[in-house]
Amino acid sequence: MKAIQVTQFGGPEKLVYTDVKDVVAGKGEVCVRLYAAGVNPSDTYTLTGTYAFGIPQLPYTPGLDGAGIVEAAGDEVTNVRVGDRVFIASSMRSNSTGTFAQKVVCDAALVHPLPEHISFEQGASLGVPALTAYRALFQRASLKPGQTVLIHGASGGVGLQVVQMAKSHGAKVIGTASKPEGKKMVQEAGADFVMDHVTETTIEDVLGLTNGNGPDVIIEFLANKNLETDLKLIAPYGKIVIIGNRGSVQINPRLAMQKECDILATALWNAPKDEYEQSIHGVIGMLTSGALRPIIGTTLPLQQASQGFEQLEKGIGKGKLVLSID
């Protein structure tokens, strides 16, 4: 079968489209014929061989998320059957042959029914982004209906799903983006207000949308740049949840003291088993009800996976990046 294979750690040039040995489902495993795979920032970190959350054994096929049709099920598999439309939501601690391939074999617990109204590309956009969004909002921030959420960088694969989830929960949503196409996606996702990324000079604009109180929850994707601004924005007793960061930052802790706010962080790989399972059930419920409908930004063929990695590293493109698989 065709797959992306990595034999050396490094940059996008190490992603090689080639023939690999076919995969076979064993006891408790499922083989899925994949039609789409999701590309996540964590995939690019893993490729370097220096990612703190996991270093795979070479050679390996990247990819944690995907969607397709069950081709075979091993003994003791009861949650899916051959012919079912499914999505894959892997974790770094689970058994999976990688979704950047025509087929994947993984633990049955990672395979979930894909509603008919959700395309394979949208199904491949779940997994890491949807579970991260759910964990940040409901398990870390404990979002309540009626609260205001600021998503500081809402036009990415995770941010757009945060918008939809927060809206479905009855929150008032403010989303930021830097480019017109990104802002349009955030608006289509259901945000009440869409604006440029907030800076020191535009804090008052956000406060004006919240009666001067500030947002109750801030979801932050670039903490090294925005955290001090977030501390000035956040409502008293509010919660800032850090999802992304690319460097060190110097802040004045007194700002946090004045608000008695919480600075929280989340990395999906840290989720306890019960909370991970709760996230899966929550995401499936939102999919089924129509509250969650992933927005695709860019789709590339599997052969161009390296180009997709380059786009992620350069911050090019909005929405979710997906690989289509023949």
C-alpha atoms as a PDB file:
ATOM      1  CA  MET A   1       0.000   0.000   0.000  1.00  0.00           C
ATOM      2  CA  LYS A   2       1.019   3.642  -0.394  1.00  0.00           C
ATOM      3  CA  ALA A   3       1.976   5.667   2.659  1.00  0.00           C
ATOM      4  CA  ILE A   4       4.182   8.468   3.904  1.00  0.00           C
ATOM      5  CA  GLN A   5       7.237   6.983   5.577  1.00  0.00           C
ATOM      6  CA  VAL A   6       9.874   8.679   7.725  1.00  0.00           C
ATOM      7  CA  THR A   7      13.268   6.997   8.006  1.00  0.00           C
ATOM      8  CA  GLN A   8      15.146  10.016   9.393  1.00  0.00           C
ATOM      9  CA  PHE A   9      14.036  12.823  11.685  1.00  0.00           C
ATOM     10  CA  GLY A  10      14.165  16.337  10.330  1.00  0.00           C
ATOM     11  CA  GLY A  11      12.028  18.704   8.285  1.00  0.00           C
ATOM     12  CA  PRO A  12       9.242  18.238   5.723  1.00  0.00           C
ATOM     13  CA  GLU A  13      11.735  16.848   3.186  1.00  0.00           C
ATOM     14  CA  LYS A  14      11.917  13.675   5.310  1.00  0.00           C
ATOM     15  CA  LEU A  15       8.312  12.777   4.409  1.00  0.00           C
ATOM     16  CA  VAL A  16       8.572  10.189   1.634  1.00  0.00           C
ATOM     17  CA  TYR A  17       5.588   8.883  -0.340  1.00  0.00           C
ATOM     18  CA  THR A  18       6.341   5.225  -1.001  1.00  0.00           C
ATOM     19  CA  ASP A  19       5.160   1.623  -0.953  1.00  0.00           C
ATOM     20  CA  VAL A  20       5.023   0.012   2.493  1.00  0.00           C
ATOM     21  CA  LYS A  21       3.957  -3.385   3.769  1.00  0.00           C
ATOM     22  CA  ASP A  22       0.185  -3.866   4.021  1.00  0.00           C
ATOM     23  CA  VAL A  23      -1.259  -3.685   7.537  1.00  0.00           C
ATOM     24  CA  VAL A  24      -3.365  -6.427   9.141  1.00  0.00           C
ATOM     25  CA  ALA A  25      -5.733  -6.095  12.099  1.00  0.00           C
ATOM     26  CA  GLY A  26      -5.006  -8.308  15.089  1.00  0.00           C
ATOM     27  CA  LYS A  27      -6.956  -9.038  18.236  1.00  0.00           C
ATOM     28  CA  GLY A  28      -8.773  -5.933  19.468  1.00  0.00           C
ATOM     29  CA  GLU A  29      -7.693  -3.938  16.417  1.00  0.00           C
ATOM     30  CA  VAL A  30      -9.453  -2.422  13.399  1.00  0.00           C
ATOM     31  CA  CYS A  31      -8.183  -1.893   9.860  1.00  0.00           C
ATOM     32  CA  VAL A  32      -9.630   1.212   8.194  1.00  0.00           C
ATOM     33  CA  ARG A  33      -9.365   2.093   4.511  1.00  0.00           C
ATOM     34  CA  LEU A  34      -8.610   5.800   4.782  1.00  0.00           C
ATOM     35  CA  TYR A  35      -9.912   8.522   2.492  1.00  0.00           C
ATOM     36  CA  ALA A  36      -8.582  11.526   4.420  1.00  0.00           C
ATOM     37  CA  ALA A  37      -6.052  12.308   7.135  1.00  0.00           C
ATOM     38  CA  GLY A  38      -5.748  15.392   9.320  1.00  0.00           C
ATOM     39  CA  VAL A  39      -2.453  17.250   9.695  1.00  0.00           C
ATOM     40  CA  ASN A  40      -1.726  18.734  13.124  1.00  0.00           C
ATOM     41  CA  PRO A  41       1.088  20.954  14.417  1.00  0.00           C
ATOM     42  CA  SER A  42       2.075  18.063  16.704  1.00  0.00           C
ATOM     43  CA  ASP A  43       2.846  16.017  13.577  1.00  0.00           C
ATOM     44  CA  THR A  44       5.477  18.567  12.558  1.00  0.00           C
ATOM     45  CA  TYR A  45       6.984  18.554  16.057  1.00  0.00           C
ATOM     46  CA  THR A  46       7.128  14.748  16.103  1.00  0.00           C
ATOM     47  CA  LEU A  47       8.948  14.748  12.755  1.00  0.00           C
ATOM     48  CA  THR A  48      11.883  16.611  14.318  1.00  0.00           C
ATOM     49  CA  GLY A  49      12.526  13.776  16.764  1.00  0.00           C
ATOM     50  CA  THR A  50      12.645  16.233  19.665  1.00  0.00           C
ATOM     51  CA  TYR A  51       8.977  16.452  20.695  1.00  0.00           C
ATOM     52  CA  ALA A  52       8.696  16.226  24.477  1.00  0.00           C
ATOM     53  CA  PHE A  53       5.477  14.209  24.365  1.00  0.00           C
ATOM     54  CA  GLY A  54       6.796  11.368  22.233  1.00  0.00           C
ATOM     55  CA  ILE A  55       9.571  10.230  19.900  1.00  0.00           C
ATOM     56  CA  PRO A  56       8.501   7.443  17.523  1.00  0.00           C
ATOM     57  CA  GLN A  57      10.695   4.533  16.551  1.00  0.00           C
ATOM     58  CA  LEU A  58      12.037   4.813  13.005  1.00  0.00           C
ATOM     59  CA  PRO A  59      10.795   4.113  10.406  1.00  0.00           C
ATOM     60  CA  TYR A  60       7.273   5.357  11.050  1.00  0.00           C
ATOM     61  CA  THR A  61       4.185   6.650   9.258  1.00  0.00           C
ATOM     62  CA  PRO A  62       2.917   9.967  10.702  1.00  0.00           C
ATOM     63  CA  GLY A  63      -0.685  10.873  11.394  1.00  0.00           C
ATOM     64  CA  LEU A  64      -3.014  10.571  14.370  1.00  0.00           C
ATOM     65  CA  ASP A  65      -6.325  11.550  12.753  1.00  0.00           C
ATOM     66  CA  GLY A  66      -8.173  10.149   9.761  1.00  0.00           C
ATOM     67  CA  ALA A  67     -11.488   8.967   8.364  1.00  0.00           C
ATOM     68  CA  GLY A  68     -12.611   6.137   6.117  1.00  0.00           C
ATOM     69  CA  ILE A  69     -14.415   2.798   6.028  1.00  0.00           C
ATOM     70  CA  VAL A  70     -13.758  -0.227   8.227  1.00  0.00           C
ATOM     71  CA  GLU A  71     -12.131  -2.913   6.088  1.00  0.00           C
ATOM     72  CA  ALA A  72     -11.493  -5.547   8.760  1.00  0.00           C
ATOM     73  CA  ALA A  73     -12.010  -6.028  12.490  1.00  0.00           C
ATOM     74  CA  GLY A  74      -9.994  -8.347  14.698  1.00  0.00           C
ATOM     75  CA  ASP A  75     -11.292 -10.677  17.376  1.00  0.00           C
ATOM     76  CA  GLU A  76     -13.118  -9.070  20.323  1.00  0.00           C
ATOM     77  CA  VAL A  77     -13.958  -5.884  18.394  1.00  0.00           C
ATOM     78  CA  THR A  78     -17.575  -4.961  19.086  1.00  0.00           C
ATOM     79  CA  ASN A  79     -17.856  -1.183  18.630  1.00  0.00           C
ATOM     80  CA  VAL A  80     -17.634  -1.133  14.804  1.00  0.00           C
ATOM     81  CA  ARG A  81     -18.269  -3.489  11.888  1.00  0.00           C
ATOM     82  CA  VAL A  82     -16.881  -3.955   8.388  1.00  0.00           C
ATOM     83  CA  GLY A  83     -18.344  -1.302   6.091  1.00  0.00           C
ATOM     84  CA  ASP A  84     -18.908   1.324   8.804  1.00  0.00           C
ATOM     85  CA  ARG A  85     -17.951   4.944   8.123  1.00  0.00           C
ATOM     86  CA  VAL A  86     -15.598   5.956  10.935  1.00  0.00           C
ATOM     87  CA  PHE A  87     -13.111   8.538  12.130  1.00  0.00           C
ATOM     88  CA  ILE A  88      -9.819   7.825  13.894  1.00  0.00           C
ATOM     89  CA  ALA A  89      -8.826   9.784  17.001  1.00  0.00           C
ATOM     90  CA  SER A  90      -5.433   8.465  18.067  1.00  0.00           C
ATOM     91  CA  SER A  91      -3.190   9.497  20.910  1.00  0.00           C
ATOM     92  CA  MET A  92       0.547   9.246  21.265  1.00  0.00           C
ATOM     93  CA  ARG A  93       0.134   6.550  23.887  1.00  0.00           C
ATOM     94  CA  SER A  94      -2.013   4.316  21.665  1.00  0.00           C
ATOM     95  CA  ASN A  95      -1.333   1.630  19.095  1.00  0.00           C
ATOM     96  CA  SER A  96      -1.677   2.986  15.541  1.00  0.00           C
ATOM     97  CA  THR A  97       0.256   2.442  12.313  1.00  0.00           C
ATOM     98  CA  GLY A  98      -0.270   6.089  11.265  1.00  0.00           C
ATOM     99  CA  THR A  99      -2.984   7.730   9.193  1.00  0.00           C
ATOM    100  CA  PHE A 100      -0.832   9.191   6.408  1.00  0.00           C
ATOM    101  CA  ALA A 101      -1.505   6.017   4.452  1.00  0.00           C
ATOM    102  CA  GLN A 102      -4.137   4.200   2.411  1.00  0.00           C
ATOM    103  CA  LYS A 103      -4.894   2.016   5.429  1.00  0.00           C
ATOM    104  CA  VAL A 104      -4.372   2.202   9.163  1.00  0.00           C
ATOM    105  CA  VAL A 105      -4.519  -0.450  11.874  1.00  0.00           C
ATOM    106  CA  CYS A 106      -5.202   0.788  15.377  1.00  0.00           C
ATOM    107  CA  ASP A 107      -6.822  -0.089  18.691  1.00  0.00           C
ATOM    108  CA  ALA A 108     -10.585  -0.451  18.348  1.00  0.00           C
ATOM    109  CA  ALA A 109     -11.043   2.178  21.084  1.00  0.00           C
ATOM    110  CA  LEU A 110      -9.656   4.822  18.705  1.00  0.00           C
ATOM    111  CA  VAL A 111     -12.276   4.190  16.016  1.00  0.00           C
ATOM    112  CA  HIS A 112     -15.635   5.971  16.208  1.00  0.00           C
ATOM    113  CA  PRO A 113     -18.778   6.145  14.039  1.00  0.00           C
ATOM    114  CA  LEU A 114     -18.845   9.007  11.540  1.00  0.00           C
ATOM    115  CA  PRO A 115     -22.332  10.456  10.967  1.00  0.00           C
ATOM    116  CA  GLU A 116     -23.534  10.320   7.354  1.00  0.00           C
ATOM    117  CA  HIS A 117     -23.755  14.114   7.101  1.00  0.00           C
ATOM    118  CA  ILE A 118     -20.057  14.493   7.954  1.00  0.00           C
ATOM    119  CA  SER A 119     -17.622  14.036   5.045  1.00  0.00           C
ATOM    120  CA  PHE A 120     -14.412  12.033   5.319  1.00  0.00           C
ATOM    121  CA  GLU A 121     -12.420  15.276   5.129  1.00  0.00           C
ATOM    122  CA  GLN A 122     -14.426  16.688   8.036  1.00  0.00           C
ATOM    123  CA  GLY A 123     -14.025  13.410   9.932  1.00  0.00           C
ATOM    124  CA  ALA A 124     -10.263  13.664   9.522  1.00  0.00           C
ATOM    125  CA  SER A 125     -10.494  17.151  11.060  1.00  0.00           C
ATOM    126  CA  LEU A 126     -11.670  15.745  14.379  1.00  0.00           C
ATOM    127  CA  GLY A 127      -9.317  13.816  16.643  1.00  0.00           C
ATOM    128  CA  VAL A 128      -6.637  16.130  18.019  1.00  0.00           C
ATOM    129  CA  PRO A 129      -8.350  19.462  17.151  1.00  0.00           C
ATOM    130  CA  ALA A 130     -11.828  18.539  18.416  1.00  0.00           C
ATOM    131  CA  LEU A 131     -10.606  16.833  21.572  1.00  0.00           C
ATOM    132  CA  THR A 132      -8.247  19.729  22.323  1.00  0.00           C
ATOM    133  CA  ALA A 133     -11.063  22.240  21.858  1.00  0.00           C
ATOM    134  CA  TYR A 134     -13.400  20.233  24.077  1.00  0.00           C
ATOM    135  CA  ARG A 135     -10.797  19.765  26.803  1.00  0.00           C
ATOM    136  CA  ALA A 136      -9.808  23.439  26.815  1.00  0.00           C
ATOM    137  CA  LEU A 137     -13.382  24.719  27.066  1.00  0.00           C
ATOM    138  CA  PHE A 138     -15.097  22.223  29.322  1.00  0.00           C
ATOM    139  CA  GLN A 139     -12.439  20.369  31.303  1.00  0.00           C
ATOM    140  CA  ARG A 140      -9.939  23.178  31.871  1.00  0.00           C
ATOM    141  CA  ALA A 141     -11.994  26.395  31.633  1.00  0.00           C
ATOM    142  CA  SER A 142     -15.255  24.824  32.912  1.00  0.00           C
ATOM    143  CA  LEU A 143     -17.184  27.076  30.526  1.00  0.00           C
ATOM    144  CA  LYS A 144     -20.708  27.982  31.623  1.00  0.00           C
ATOM    145  CA  PRO A 145     -23.632  29.088  29.441  1.00  0.00           C
ATOM    146  CA  GLY A 146     -23.864  32.864  29.282  1.00  0.00           C
ATOM    147  CA  GLN A 147     -20.153  33.466  29.760  1.00  0.00           C
ATOM    148  CA  THR A 148     -18.041  35.352  27.224  1.00  0.00           C
ATOM    149  CA  VAL A 149     -15.160  33.592  25.466  1.00  0.00           C
ATOM    150  CA  LEU A 150     -12.338  35.308  23.584  1.00  0.00           C
ATOM    151  CA  ILE A 151     -10.532  32.980  21.175  1.00  0.00           C
ATOM    152  CA  HIS A 152      -7.220  34.659  20.544  1.00  0.00           C
ATOM    153  CA  GLY A 153      -6.434  33.117  17.150  1.00  0.00           C
ATOM    154  CA  ALA A 154      -9.712  31.560  16.096  1.00  0.00           C
ATOM    155  CA  SER A 155      -9.127  30.808  12.415  1.00  0.00           C
ATOM    156  CA  GLY A 156      -7.087  27.615  12.787  1.00  0.00           C
ATOM    157  CA  GLY A 157      -8.219  24.003  12.874  1.00  0.00           C
ATOM    158  CA  VAL A 158      -8.684  24.019  16.663  1.00  0.00           C
ATOM    159  CA  GLY A 159      -9.912  27.601  16.977  1.00  0.00           C
ATOM    160  CA  LEU A 160     -12.829  27.169  14.587  1.00  0.00           C
ATOM    161  CA  GLN A 161     -14.040  24.158  16.540  1.00  0.00           C
ATOM    162  CA  VAL A 162     -13.686  26.101  19.798  1.00  0.00           C
ATOM    163  CA  VAL A 163     -15.997  28.746  18.292  1.00  0.00           C
ATOM    164  CA  GLN A 164     -18.645  26.185  17.376  1.00  0.00           C
ATOM    165  CA  MET A 165     -18.479  24.347  20.697  1.00  0.00           C
ATOM    166  CA  ALA A 166     -18.653  27.530  22.753  1.00  0.00           C
ATOM    167  CA  LYS A 167     -21.646  28.798  20.769  1.00  0.00           C
ATOM    168  CA  SER A 168     -23.466  25.483  21.132  1.00  0.00           C
ATOM    169  CA  HIS A 169     -22.975  25.765  24.893  1.00  0.00           C
ATOM    170  CA  GLY A 170     -24.652  29.163  25.036  1.00  0.00           C
ATOM    171  CA  ALA A 171     -21.558  31.343  25.306  1.00  0.00           C
ATOM    172  CA  LYS A 172     -20.954  34.753  23.746  1.00  0.00           C
ATOM    173  CA  VAL A 173     -17.967  34.330  21.408  1.00  0.00           C
ATOM    174  CA  ILE A 174     -15.344  36.829  20.281  1.00  0.00           C
ATOM    175  CA  GLY A 175     -12.868  35.488  17.723  1.00  0.00           C
ATOM    176  CA  THR A 176      -9.700  37.091  16.385  1.00  0.00           C
ATOM    177  CA  ALA A 177      -7.862  36.535  13.113  1.00  0.00           C
ATOM    178  CA  SER A 178      -5.290  38.443  11.083  1.00  0.00           C
ATOM    179  CA  LYS A 179      -6.502  38.034   7.499  1.00  0.00           C
ATOM    180  CA  PRO A 180      -9.861  38.601   5.773  1.00  0.00           C
ATOM    181  CA  GLU A 181     -10.222  34.944   4.752  1.00  0.00           C
ATOM    182  CA  GLY A 182      -9.575  33.870   8.327  1.00  0.00           C
ATOM    183  CA  LYS A 183     -12.088  36.348   9.691  1.00  0.00           C
ATOM    184  CA  LYS A 184     -14.685  35.075   7.242  1.00  0.00           C
ATOM    185  CA  MET A 185     -14.178  31.504   8.489  1.00  0.00           C
ATOM    186  CA  VAL A 186     -14.508  32.611  12.113  1.00  0.00           C
ATOM    187  CA  GLN A 187     -17.731  34.418  11.272  1.00  0.00           C
ATOM    188  CA  GLU A 188     -19.079  31.366   9.421  1.00  0.00           C
ATOM    189  CA  ALA A 189     -18.240  29.227  12.467  1.00  0.00           C
ATOM    190  CA  GLY A 190     -20.693  31.326  14.468  1.00  0.00           C
ATOM    191  CA  ALA A 191     -18.668  33.909  16.397  1.00  0.00           C
ATOM    192  CA  ASP A 192     -20.712  36.854  17.663  1.00  0.00           C
ATOM    193  CA  PHE A 193     -17.849  39.273  16.995  1.00  0.00           C
ATOM    194  CA  VAL A 194     -14.761  38.942  14.782  1.00  0.00           C
ATOM    195  CA  MET A 195     -11.807  41.290  15.017  1.00  0.00           C
ATOM    196  CA  ASP A 196      -8.063  41.650  14.491  1.00  0.00           C
ATOM    197  CA  HIS A 197      -5.743  40.020  16.992  1.00  0.00           C
ATOM    198  CA  VAL A 198      -5.906  42.048  20.194  1.00  0.00           C
ATOM    199  CA  THR A 199      -2.902  44.208  21.076  1.00  0.00           C
ATOM    200  CA  GLU A 200      -2.116  46.725  23.775  1.00  0.00           C
ATOM    201  CA  THR A 201      -3.713  49.426  21.640  1.00  0.00           C
ATOM    202  CA  THR A 202      -6.984  47.561  21.021  1.00  0.00           C
ATOM    203  CA  ILE A 203      -7.789  46.231  24.497  1.00  0.00           C
ATOM    204  CA  GLU A 204     -10.533  48.817  24.884  1.00  0.00           C
ATOM    205  CA  ASP A 205     -12.271  47.442  21.794  1.00  0.00           C
ATOM    206  CA  VAL A 206     -12.740  44.080  23.509  1.00  0.00           C
ATOM    207  CA  LEU A 207     -13.719  45.631  26.822  1.00  0.00           C
ATOM    208  CA  GLY A 208     -16.380  47.591  24.958  1.00  0.00           C
ATOM    209  CA  LEU A 209     -17.948  44.320  23.817  1.00  0.00           C
ATOM    210  CA  THR A 210     -18.133  43.036  27.392  1.00  0.00           C
ATOM    211  CA  ASN A 211     -19.489  46.104  29.232  1.00  0.00           C
ATOM    212  CA  GLY A 212     -15.987  46.850  30.438  1.00  0.00           C
ATOM    213  CA  ASN A 213     -15.706  43.545  32.309  1.00  0.00           C
ATOM    214  CA  GLY A 214     -13.557  41.538  29.919  1.00  0.00           C
ATOM    215  CA  PRO A 215     -14.080  37.959  28.720  1.00  0.00           C
ATOM    216  CA  ASP A 216     -14.647  35.227  31.317  1.00  0.00           C
ATOM    217  CA  VAL A 217     -12.517  32.774  29.343  1.00  0.00           C
ATOM    218  CA  ILE A 218      -9.635  33.365  26.926  1.00  0.00           C
ATOM    219  CA  ILE A 219      -8.383  30.550  24.696  1.00  0.00           C
ATOM    220  CA  GLU A 220      -4.813  31.413  23.753  1.00  0.00           C
ATOM    221  CA  PHE A 221      -2.845  29.972  20.798  1.00  0.00           C
ATOM    222  CA  LEU A 222       0.290  32.132  20.998  1.00  0.00           C
ATOM    223  CA  ALA A 223       0.980  32.729  24.659  1.00  0.00           C
ATOM    224  CA  ASN A 224       4.538  33.992  24.213  1.00  0.00           C
ATOM    225  CA  LYS A 225       3.129  36.970  22.305  1.00  0.00           C
ATOM    226  CA  ASN A 226      -0.270  37.548  23.885  1.00  0.00           C
ATOM    227  CA  LEU A 227      -0.255  36.426  27.521  1.00  0.00           C
ATOM    228  CA  GLU A 228       0.354  39.816  29.123  1.00  0.00           C
ATOM    229  CA  THR A 229      -2.385  41.350  26.955  1.00  0.00           C
ATOM    230  CA  ASP A 230      -4.689  38.496  27.990  1.00  0.00           C
ATOM    231  CA  LEU A 231      -4.042  39.281  31.655  1.00  0.00           C
ATOM    232  CA  LYS A 232      -5.139  42.865  31.071  1.00  0.00           C
ATOM    233  CA  LEU A 233      -8.244  41.694  29.209  1.00  0.00           C
ATOM    234  CA  ILE A 234      -9.523  38.845  31.358  1.00  0.00           C
ATOM    235  CA  ALA A 235     -12.498  39.388  33.637  1.00  0.00           C
ATOM    236  CA  PRO A 236     -12.033  39.149  37.410  1.00  0.00           C
ATOM    237  CA  TYR A 237     -11.793  35.466  38.416  1.00  0.00           C
ATOM    238  CA  GLY A 238     -11.583  34.535  34.742  1.00  0.00           C
ATOM    239  CA  LYS A 239      -9.586  31.732  33.147  1.00  0.00           C
ATOM    240  CA  ILE A 240      -6.917  31.869  30.464  1.00  0.00           C
ATOM    241  CA  VAL A 241      -6.264  28.508  28.793  1.00  0.00           C
ATOM    242  CA  ILE A 242      -3.014  28.182  26.851  1.00  0.00           C
ATOM    243  CA  ILE A 243      -3.192  25.831  23.882  1.00  0.00           C
ATOM    244  CA  GLY A 244      -0.234  27.115  21.880  1.00  0.00           C
ATOM    245  CA  ASN A 245       3.119  28.747  22.603  1.00  0.00           C
ATOM    246  CA  ARG A 246       6.333  29.346  20.682  1.00  0.00           C
ATOM    247  CA  GLY A 247       8.798  30.810  23.128  1.00  0.00           C
ATOM    248  CA  SER A 248       9.347  32.476  26.478  1.00  0.00           C
ATOM    249  CA  VAL A 249       7.442  35.460  27.802  1.00  0.00           C
ATOM    250  CA  GLN A 250       7.923  37.991  30.577  1.00  0.00           C
ATOM    251  CA  ILE A 251       4.766  39.001  32.441  1.00  0.00           C
ATOM    252  CA  ASN A 252       3.857  41.028  35.493  1.00  0.00           C
ATOM    253  CA  PRO A 253       2.283  38.582  37.980  1.00  0.00           C
ATOM    254  CA  ARG A 254       0.545  41.482  39.696  1.00  0.00           C
ATOM    255  CA  LEU A 255      -1.879  41.583  36.769  1.00  0.00           C
ATOM    256  CA  ALA A 256      -2.995  38.068  37.662  1.00  0.00           C
ATOM    257  CA  MET A 257      -3.216  39.021  41.343  1.00  0.00           C
ATOM    258  CA  GLN A 258      -5.421  42.012  40.575  1.00  0.00           C
ATOM    259  CA  LYS A 259      -7.907  39.826  38.715  1.00  0.00           C
ATOM    260  CA  GLU A 260      -7.414  36.672  40.805  1.00  0.00           C
ATOM    261  CA  CYS A 261      -7.562  34.932  37.450  1.00  0.00           C
ATOM    262  CA  ASP A 262      -6.283  31.481  36.568  1.00  0.00           C
ATOM    263  CA  ILE A 263      -3.631  30.824  33.949  1.00  0.00           C
ATOM    264  CA  LEU A 264      -4.227  27.261  32.815  1.00  0.00           C
ATOM    265  CA  ALA A 265      -2.634  25.150  30.110  1.00  0.00           C
ATOM    266  CA  THR A 266      -3.604  22.067  28.217  1.00  0.00           C
ATOM    267  CA  ALA A 267      -1.864  19.394  26.181  1.00  0.00           C
ATOM    268  CA  LEU A 268      -4.184  16.653  24.997  1.00  0.00           C
ATOM    269  CA  TRP A 269      -1.626  13.943  25.731  1.00  0.00           C
ATOM    270  CA  ASN A 270      -1.912  14.719  29.468  1.00  0.00           C
ATOM    271  CA  ALA A 271      -5.655  13.977  29.630  1.00  0.00           C
ATOM    272  CA  PRO A 272      -6.512  11.148  32.050  1.00  0.00           C
ATOM    273  CA  LYS A 273      -8.254   8.191  30.417  1.00  0.00           C
ATOM    274  CA  ASP A 274     -11.689   9.069  31.825  1.00  0.00           C
ATOM    275  CA  GLU A 275     -11.478  12.692  30.659  1.00  0.00           C
ATOM    276  CA  TYR A 276     -10.248  11.592  27.212  1.00  0.00           C
ATOM    277  CA  GLU A 277     -13.263   9.312  26.895  1.00  0.00           C
ATOM    278  CA  GLN A 278     -15.592  12.084  28.087  1.00  0.00           C
ATOM    279  CA  SER A 279     -14.177  14.313  25.349  1.00  0.00           C
ATOM    280  CA  ILE A 280     -14.857  11.677  22.698  1.00  0.00           C
ATOM    281  CA  HIS A 281     -18.471  11.281  23.829  1.00  0.00           C
ATOM    282  CA  GLY A 282     -18.916  15.050  23.927  1.00  0.00           C
ATOM    283  CA  VAL A 283     -17.519  15.507  20.420  1.00  0.00           C
ATOM    284  CA  ILE A 284     -19.664  12.706  18.975  1.00  0.00           C
ATOM    285  CA  GLY A 285     -22.740  14.234  20.596  1.00  0.00           C
ATOM    286  CA  MET A 286     -22.022  17.618  19.013  1.00  0.00           C
ATOM    287  CA  LEU A 287     -21.392  16.002  15.640  1.00  0.00           C
ATOM    288  CA  THR A 288     -24.659  14.103  15.788  1.00  0.00           C
ATOM    289  CA  SER A 289     -26.680  17.154  16.815  1.00  0.00           C
ATOM    290  CA  GLY A 290     -25.088  19.342  14.162  1.00  0.00           C
ATOM    291  CA  ALA A 291     -23.527  21.724  16.686  1.00  0.00           C
ATOM    292  CA  LEU A 292     -20.056  20.769  15.426  1.00  0.00           C
ATOM    293  CA  ARG A 293     -19.257  20.799  11.709  1.00  0.00           C
ATOM    294  CA  PRO A 294     -15.507  21.057  11.005  1.00  0.00           C
ATOM    295  CA  ILE A 295     -14.448  23.715   8.502  1.00  0.00           C
ATOM    296  CA  ILE A 296     -11.794  22.633   5.993  1.00  0.00           C
ATOM    297  CA  GLY A 297      -9.207  25.206   4.973  1.00  0.00           C
ATOM    298  CA  THR A 298      -6.819  23.397   2.616  1.00  0.00           C
ATOM    299  CA  THR A 299      -6.924  19.909   1.102  1.00  0.00           C
ATOM    300  CA  LEU A 300      -3.810  18.384  -0.468  1.00  0.00           C
ATOM    301  CA  PRO A 301      -3.201  14.899  -1.873  1.00  0.00           C
ATOM    302  CA  LEU A 302      -1.267  12.524   0.372  1.00  0.00           C
ATOM    303  CA  GLN A 303       1.686  12.793  -1.993  1.00  0.00           C
ATOM    304  CA  GLN A 304       2.042  16.470  -1.034  1.00  0.00           C
ATOM    305  CA  ALA A 305       2.235  15.938   2.745  1.00  0.00           C
ATOM    306  CA  SER A 306       5.592  17.725   2.851  1.00  0.00           C
ATOM    307  CA  GLN A 307       3.981  20.821   1.327  1.00  0.00           C
ATOM    308  CA  GLY A 308       1.323  20.703   4.042  1.00  0.00           C
ATOM    309  CA  PHE A 309       3.976  20.582   6.751  1.00  0.00           C
ATOM    310  CA  GLU A 310       5.696  23.582   5.210  1.00  0.00           C
ATOM    311  CA  GLN A 311       2.429  25.514   5.288  1.00  0.00           C
ATOM    312  CA  LEU A 312       1.923  24.748   8.970  1.00  0.00           C
ATOM    313  CA  GLU A 313       5.462  25.762   9.873  1.00  0.00           C
ATOM    314  CA  LYS A 314       5.073  29.077   8.021  1.00  0.00           C
ATOM    315  CA  GLY A 315       1.578  29.742   9.372  1.00  0.00           C
ATOM    316  CA  ILE A 316       0.136  29.793   5.851  1.00  0.00           C
ATOM    317  CA  GLY A 317      -3.531  28.979   5.356  1.00  0.00           C
ATOM    318  CA  LYS A 318      -6.586  29.044   7.581  1.00  0.00           C
ATOM    319  CA  GLY A 319      -8.972  26.369   8.763  1.00  0.00           C
ATOM    320  CA  LYS A 320      -8.044  22.711   8.958  1.00  0.00           C
ATOM    321  CA  LEU A 321      -5.355  21.172   6.730  1.00  0.00           C
ATOM    322  CA  VAL A 322      -6.384  17.757   5.380  1.00  0.00           C
ATOM    323  CA  LEU A 323      -4.693  15.176   3.147  1.00  0.00           C
ATOM    324  CA  SER A 324      -6.929  13.365   0.656  1.00  0.00           C
ATOM    325  CA  ILE A 325      -6.077   9.710   0.058  1.00  0.00           C
ATOM    326  CA  ASP A 326      -6.808   7.844  -3.187  1.00  0.00           C
END
